[in-house]
């Protein structure tokens, strides 16, 4: 059994994500990692609503793909939070507005 390449789960899923079309080779001749990853994507993307439990199975497959491709947060750690860019909204219903047409007069918002 020479020529067998090892792939991680993330590498196999990323390969199938990059090349979504089934190859022309027979399914028995393709590597196991590719066959399993393609079937997982098939289950996640094509649920059969006529079959009981198919939507649960598809949702579970989608979660597996998402967790393996993007990674999960370690338990006990804080989620990533941006500290740099923040928007500050001004409440325009209580403050006075200045006219931008150069008159210099101010008007109050209706109450």
Protein backbone atom coordinates (compact mmCIF):
# COMPACT_ATOMS: atom_id res chain seq x y z
CA UNK A 1 0.00 0.00 0.00
CA UNK A 2 2.45 2.59 -1.13
CA UNK A 3 1.39 6.03 -2.18
CA UNK A 4 -1.18 6.53 0.61
CA UNK A 5 -1.21 10.16 1.71
CA UNK A 6 -2.48 11.11 5.11
CA UNK A 7 -4.88 14.03 5.36
CA UNK A 8 -6.38 15.69 8.37
CA UNK A 9 -10.12 16.18 8.59
CA UNK A 10 -9.72 19.90 7.99
CA UNK A 11 -7.58 19.29 4.89
CA UNK A 12 -10.09 16.78 3.50
CA UNK A 13 -13.06 19.12 4.04
CA UNK A 14 -11.14 22.07 2.59
CA UNK A 15 -10.21 20.02 -0.48
CA UNK A 16 -13.84 19.10 -1.10
CA UNK A 17 -14.88 22.71 -0.50
CA UNK A 18 -12.35 23.87 -3.11
CA UNK A 19 -13.33 21.17 -5.64
CA UNK A 20 -17.07 20.53 -5.10
CA UNK A 21 -17.72 18.49 -8.25
CA UNK A 22 -17.47 14.71 -8.00
CA UNK A 23 -14.47 13.44 -10.00
CA UNK A 24 -14.91 11.22 -13.06
CA UNK A 25 -13.18 8.28 -11.36
CA UNK A 26 -15.17 5.45 -9.84
CA UNK A 27 -16.16 6.07 -6.24
CA UNK A 28 -14.46 2.86 -5.14
CA UNK A 29 -11.16 4.13 -6.55
CA UNK A 30 -11.12 7.49 -4.76
CA UNK A 31 -9.36 7.91 -1.39
CA UNK A 32 -11.46 7.26 1.70
CA UNK A 33 -10.92 10.76 3.10
CA UNK A 34 -12.31 12.31 -0.09
CA UNK A 35 -15.26 9.91 -0.23
CA UNK A 36 -16.24 10.60 3.40
CA UNK A 37 -15.83 14.37 3.04
CA UNK A 38 -17.89 14.47 -0.16
CA UNK A 39 -20.65 12.41 1.44
CA UNK A 40 -20.67 14.73 4.46
CA UNK A 41 -21.07 17.75 2.17
CA UNK A 42 -23.78 15.89 0.23
CA UNK A 43 -25.73 15.21 3.43
CA UNK A 44 -25.32 18.81 4.63
CA UNK A 45 -26.35 20.44 1.36
CA UNK A 46 -29.15 18.17 0.14
CA UNK A 47 -31.56 17.15 2.91
CA UNK A 48 -34.55 15.10 1.79
CA UNK A 49 -37.68 16.51 3.46
CA UNK A 50 -39.62 13.32 2.76
CA UNK A 51 -37.34 11.30 5.07
CA UNK A 52 -37.87 11.58 8.81
CA UNK A 53 -34.77 12.94 10.54
CA UNK A 54 -33.11 14.12 7.34
CA UNK A 55 -33.14 17.78 8.37
CA UNK A 56 -31.61 16.90 11.76
CA UNK A 57 -28.95 14.87 9.97
CA UNK A 58 -28.24 17.78 7.59
CA UNK A 59 -28.01 20.25 10.46
CA UNK A 60 -25.61 17.96 12.31
CA UNK A 61 -23.46 17.59 9.18
CA UNK A 62 -23.41 21.38 8.72
CA UNK A 63 -22.27 21.81 12.32
CA UNK A 64 -19.49 19.24 11.85
CA UNK A 65 -18.26 21.03 8.71
CA UNK A 66 -18.44 24.45 10.36
CA UNK A 67 -16.61 23.32 13.49
CA UNK A 68 -13.89 21.54 11.54
CA UNK A 69 -13.28 24.29 8.97
CA UNK A 70 -13.46 27.32 11.24
CA UNK A 71 -12.57 25.84 14.60
CA UNK A 72 -14.32 26.24 17.90
CA UNK A 73 -13.60 28.44 20.85
CA UNK A 74 -11.90 26.78 23.78
CA UNK A 75 -14.23 26.50 26.76
CA UNK A 76 -13.56 29.07 29.43
CA UNK A 77 -12.14 31.67 27.04
CA UNK A 78 -13.82 34.89 26.12
CA UNK A 79 -15.15 35.34 22.59
CA UNK A 80 -13.19 37.59 20.28
CA UNK A 81 -14.25 41.20 20.73
CA UNK A 82 -13.15 44.19 18.73
CA UNK A 83 -11.96 47.04 20.87
CA UNK A 84 -10.77 49.43 18.18
CA UNK A 85 -13.69 50.46 15.99
CA UNK A 86 -16.87 51.52 17.68
CA UNK A 87 -19.84 53.56 16.53
CA UNK A 88 -21.39 56.17 18.77
CA UNK A 89 -24.98 57.01 17.93
CA UNK A 90 -26.34 60.40 18.85
CA UNK A 91 -29.96 60.55 19.90
CA UNK A 92 -31.36 63.05 17.43
CA UNK A 93 -34.75 63.27 19.13
CA UNK A 94 -33.46 65.19 22.14
CA UNK A 95 -30.59 67.34 20.81
CA UNK A 96 -30.77 70.48 18.73
CA UNK A 97 -29.88 70.25 15.08
CA UNK A 98 -27.76 72.82 13.31
CA UNK A 99 -28.70 73.79 9.77
CA UNK A 100 -26.08 72.82 7.23
CA UNK A 101 -27.10 75.42 4.65
CA UNK A 102 -24.93 78.13 6.24
CA UNK A 103 -27.72 80.10 7.97
CA UNK A 104 -26.38 79.26 11.40
CA UNK A 105 -29.82 78.90 12.94
CA UNK A 106 -30.71 75.92 15.05
CA UNK A 107 -33.99 74.12 15.26
CA UNK A 108 -35.24 71.83 17.94
CA UNK A 109 -36.66 68.43 17.20
CA UNK A 110 -40.44 68.18 17.51
CA UNK A 111 -41.63 66.77 20.80
